[in-house]
Amino acid sequence: MRIVIAEDESLLREGLALLLRAEGLDVVATTNGPGTFLAAVDEHRPDVAIVDVRMPPTHTDEGIVAAVEARRRQPGLAVLVLSAYVEQAFATELLTHGSARLGYMLKERVGRVEEFLAALHRVADGGTAVDAEVIGQLLARSRPDSTLALLSPRELDVLALMAEGLGNTAIAEKLFITEGAVHKHIRRIFAKLGLTPEDRTDRRVAAVLRYLEASR
């Protein structure tokens, strides 16, 4: 796995590089800004980019903009975005461009090495990894009159785990229910959100986007 890191905090940037190299992963470049990050992507053609949401010069959304541009330049590039706190609009913006090979995690999770590495491998393998804390905060912010009000508490639990990027087997294990029960809950979620099999979009992705949009 070839990795480029874009993080303007030098301690975190070098700490991530040391951690990943200790795990036998190939960190091909570390950068501290969006321009040098895109140049590194063009030069090294990495498998995964780890990108901070806020980078110079304005420390607003440069990381998100650069991540979207990097995926435009290199289709299929896996991106794991790191943020100091939950920024719902940025999470939604990323997923709107397609959820495959994307992750959104809080920086504090980096210290939980197994959890961080699991998310990194999940996005590298083509999946989605959204921080559980992000999902929890978004759910707490959901409007009471949103479409999500149609869902039962268990269906919300299933949707939250879907949003984290977990597959049906992992969801069943987390909730201590059968995989068949997970299938039934997901079918009900799709029905209540008006997502039909005829839709051209991936219904799991559409459901997660609906979940995130409800928190605005």
Protein backbone atom coordinates (compact mmCIF):
# COMPACT_ATOMS: atom_id res chain seq x y z
CA MET A 1 0.00 0.00 0.00
CA ARG A 2 1.57 3.27 -1.18
CA ILE A 3 0.47 6.27 0.92
CA VAL A 4 0.73 10.07 0.68
CA ILE A 5 0.06 12.11 3.85
CA ALA A 6 -1.13 15.73 3.68
CA GLU A 7 -1.16 17.28 7.16
CA ASP A 8 0.14 20.72 8.15
CA GLU A 9 0.77 19.80 11.81
CA SER A 10 4.32 18.48 11.64
CA LEU A 11 4.09 16.35 14.80
CA LEU A 12 0.99 14.51 13.59
CA ARG A 13 2.31 14.24 10.05
CA GLU A 14 5.59 12.64 11.07
CA GLY A 15 3.89 10.54 13.75
CA LEU A 16 1.52 9.09 11.15
CA ALA A 17 4.42 8.34 8.83
CA LEU A 18 6.33 6.54 11.59
CA LEU A 19 3.24 4.56 12.62
CA LEU A 20 2.43 3.44 9.08
CA ARG A 21 6.01 2.54 8.23
CA ALA A 22 6.22 0.50 11.43
CA GLU A 23 3.21 -1.45 10.11
CA GLY A 24 5.11 -2.22 6.92
CA LEU A 25 3.24 0.31 4.77
CA ASP A 26 4.99 2.45 2.16
CA VAL A 27 4.66 6.16 2.91
CA VAL A 28 5.95 7.62 -0.36
CA ALA A 29 5.50 11.31 0.54
CA THR A 30 4.45 13.64 3.37
CA THR A 31 3.22 17.15 2.57
CA ASN A 32 1.94 20.17 4.47
CA GLY A 33 -0.36 21.87 1.97
CA PRO A 34 -2.82 21.24 -0.86
CA GLY A 35 -0.45 22.24 -3.66
CA THR A 36 2.38 19.96 -2.58
CA PHE A 37 -0.16 17.21 -1.87
CA LEU A 38 -1.53 17.27 -5.42
CA ALA A 39 2.01 17.34 -6.80
CA ALA A 40 2.87 14.27 -4.71
CA VAL A 41 -0.24 12.44 -5.96
CA ASP A 42 0.71 13.22 -9.58
CA GLU A 43 4.30 12.07 -9.01
CA HIS A 44 3.83 8.95 -6.88
CA ARG A 45 0.37 7.67 -7.91
CA PRO A 46 -0.37 6.37 -4.38
CA ASP A 47 -3.01 3.83 -3.43
CA VAL A 48 -4.22 5.91 -0.47
CA ALA A 49 -4.08 9.57 0.54
CA ILE A 50 -4.49 10.66 4.16
CA VAL A 51 -5.64 14.28 4.11
CA ASP A 52 -6.34 16.87 6.79
CA VAL A 53 -9.59 18.81 6.24
CA ARG A 54 -8.06 22.19 7.14
CA MET A 55 -4.76 23.21 5.55
CA PRO A 56 -3.02 26.44 4.51
CA PRO A 57 -3.55 29.10 3.42
CA THR A 58 -7.00 29.71 4.98
CA HIS A 59 -7.40 26.54 7.07
CA THR A 60 -11.01 26.10 5.97
CA ASP A 61 -11.80 23.46 3.35
CA GLU A 62 -8.51 23.22 1.42
CA GLY A 63 -8.11 19.54 2.33
CA ILE A 64 -11.56 18.59 1.06
CA VAL A 65 -11.10 20.53 -2.17
CA ALA A 66 -7.68 18.93 -2.70
CA ALA A 67 -9.06 15.43 -1.95
CA VAL A 68 -11.83 15.84 -4.53
CA GLU A 69 -9.31 17.16 -7.09
CA ALA A 70 -6.90 14.29 -6.36
CA ARG A 71 -9.66 11.77 -7.04
CA ARG A 72 -10.48 13.59 -10.28
CA ARG A 73 -6.86 13.34 -11.37
CA GLN A 74 -6.47 9.75 -10.20
CA PRO A 75 -9.84 7.94 -10.36
CA GLY A 76 -10.06 5.21 -7.76
CA LEU A 77 -7.64 6.88 -5.34
CA ALA A 78 -8.59 5.91 -1.79
CA VAL A 79 -8.82 8.93 0.55
CA LEU A 80 -8.98 8.95 4.34
CA VAL A 81 -9.84 12.45 5.58
CA LEU A 82 -8.86 13.50 9.10
CA SER A 83 -10.65 16.26 11.01
CA ALA A 84 -10.19 17.74 14.46
CA TYR A 85 -13.96 17.77 14.99
CA VAL A 86 -17.19 16.83 13.23
CA GLU A 87 -17.79 18.91 10.11
CA GLN A 88 -20.97 17.50 8.61
CA ALA A 89 -20.96 19.57 5.41
CA PHE A 90 -17.51 18.27 4.50
CA ALA A 91 -18.48 14.64 5.15
CA THR A 92 -21.53 15.07 2.94
CA GLU A 93 -19.53 16.80 0.21
CA LEU A 94 -17.06 13.94 0.05
CA LEU A 95 -19.73 11.23 -0.11
CA THR A 96 -21.69 13.13 -2.76
CA HIS A 97 -18.82 12.49 -5.15
CA GLY A 98 -19.09 8.74 -4.52
CA SER A 99 -18.46 6.79 -1.33
CA ALA A 100 -16.22 3.98 -2.58
CA ARG A 101 -12.68 4.14 -1.18
CA LEU A 102 -13.48 7.06 1.14
CA GLY A 103 -13.07 7.55 4.87
CA TYR A 104 -13.77 10.39 7.32
CA MET A 105 -12.27 10.12 10.79
CA LEU A 106 -11.58 12.32 13.78
CA LYS A 107 -7.89 12.93 14.47
CA GLU A 108 -8.25 11.62 18.00
CA ARG A 109 -8.88 8.16 16.52
CA VAL A 110 -5.31 7.97 15.22
CA GLY A 111 -4.23 7.11 18.77
CA ARG A 112 -6.48 4.06 18.63
CA VAL A 113 -4.10 2.31 16.30
CA GLU A 114 -6.14 -0.80 15.50
CA GLU A 115 -9.25 1.25 14.77
CA PHE A 116 -7.32 3.69 12.59
CA LEU A 117 -5.55 0.95 10.64
CA ALA A 118 -8.83 -0.93 10.14
CA ALA A 119 -10.37 2.19 8.60
CA LEU A 120 -7.32 2.73 6.41
CA HIS A 121 -7.44 -0.83 5.09
CA ARG A 122 -11.20 -0.62 4.59
CA VAL A 123 -10.94 2.38 2.27
CA ALA A 124 -7.93 0.89 0.51
CA ASP A 125 -9.98 -2.24 -0.18
CA GLY A 126 -12.76 -0.21 -1.79
CA GLY A 127 -15.05 0.43 1.18
CA THR A 128 -16.24 3.40 3.20
CA ALA A 129 -15.18 4.28 6.75
CA VAL A 130 -16.98 7.06 8.61
CA ASP A 131 -16.02 7.63 12.24
CA ALA A 132 -18.58 6.32 14.73
CA GLU A 133 -18.34 9.59 16.68
CA VAL A 134 -19.17 11.52 13.50
CA ILE A 135 -22.24 9.36 12.98
CA GLY A 136 -23.30 9.74 16.61
CA GLN A 137 -23.06 13.53 16.52
CA LEU A 138 -24.89 13.73 13.20
CA LEU A 139 -27.70 11.61 14.58
CA ALA A 140 -27.95 13.88 17.63
CA ARG A 141 -28.29 16.89 15.31
CA SER A 142 -30.99 15.35 13.11
CA ARG A 143 -34.16 17.39 12.82
CA PRO A 144 -37.16 15.72 14.48
CA ASP A 145 -39.26 16.31 11.35
CA SER A 146 -36.70 14.76 9.01
CA THR A 147 -37.27 11.64 6.94
CA LEU A 148 -35.31 9.72 9.52
CA ALA A 149 -38.23 10.12 11.91
CA LEU A 150 -39.89 7.34 9.92
CA LEU A 151 -37.22 4.86 10.99
CA SER A 152 -37.42 2.73 14.12
CA PRO A 153 -34.61 2.90 16.72
CA ARG A 154 -33.21 -0.41 15.44
CA GLU A 155 -33.34 0.78 11.85
CA LEU A 156 -31.45 3.91 12.88
CA ASP A 157 -28.84 1.69 14.54
CA VAL A 158 -28.45 -0.28 11.31
CA LEU A 159 -28.26 2.88 9.19
CA ALA A 160 -25.64 4.39 11.51
CA LEU A 161 -23.44 1.31 11.08
CA MET A 162 -24.02 1.40 7.32
CA ALA A 163 -22.81 5.00 7.40
CA GLU A 164 -19.63 3.86 9.17
CA GLY A 165 -19.03 1.60 6.18
CA LEU A 166 -19.77 -1.76 7.81
CA GLY A 167 -21.13 -4.65 5.75
CA ASN A 168 -24.12 -6.74 6.75
CA THR A 169 -22.10 -9.40 8.55
CA ALA A 170 -20.25 -6.82 10.66
CA ILE A 171 -23.53 -5.01 11.43
CA ALA A 172 -25.08 -8.27 12.62
CA GLU A 173 -22.11 -8.90 14.92
CA LYS A 174 -22.23 -5.36 16.34
CA LEU A 175 -25.96 -5.52 17.10
CA PHE A 176 -26.03 -9.19 18.16
CA ILE A 177 -28.68 -10.05 15.59
CA THR A 178 -28.73 -12.42 12.62
CA GLU A 179 -27.59 -11.40 9.17
CA GLY A 180 -31.10 -12.17 7.95
CA ALA A 181 -32.48 -9.61 10.40
CA VAL A 182 -30.02 -7.04 9.07
CA HIS A 183 -31.26 -7.69 5.52
CA LYS A 184 -34.86 -7.12 6.67
CA HIS A 185 -33.99 -3.87 8.45
CA ILE A 186 -32.13 -2.58 5.39
CA ARG A 187 -35.06 -3.41 3.10
CA ARG A 188 -37.37 -1.46 5.44
CA ILE A 189 -34.92 1.47 5.52
CA PHE A 190 -34.86 1.61 1.72
CA ALA A 191 -38.65 1.45 1.57
CA LYS A 192 -39.17 4.20 4.16
CA LEU A 193 -36.62 6.45 2.46
CA GLY A 194 -38.25 5.87 -0.92
CA LEU A 195 -35.22 4.12 -2.42
CA THR A 196 -36.38 1.56 -4.98
CA PRO A 197 -34.42 -1.19 -6.79
CA GLU A 198 -34.98 0.75 -10.02
CA ASP A 199 -32.90 3.67 -8.77
CA ARG A 200 -29.65 4.03 -10.70
CA THR A 201 -27.73 5.10 -7.61
CA ASP A 202 -26.34 2.70 -5.01
CA ARG A 203 -29.14 2.53 -2.45
CA ARG A 204 -26.76 2.06 0.50
CA VAL A 205 -24.89 5.21 -0.50
CA ALA A 206 -28.16 7.10 -1.08
CA ALA A 207 -29.43 6.05 2.37
CA VAL A 208 -26.22 7.22 4.05
CA LEU A 209 -26.39 10.55 2.19
CA ARG A 210 -29.99 11.00 3.32
CA TYR A 211 -28.78 10.28 6.85
CA LEU A 212 -26.08 12.94 6.63
CA GLU A 213 -28.31 15.49 4.92
CA ALA A 214 -30.87 15.16 7.73
CA SER A 215 -28.29 16.64 10.12
CA ARG A 216 -28.03 19.98 8.31
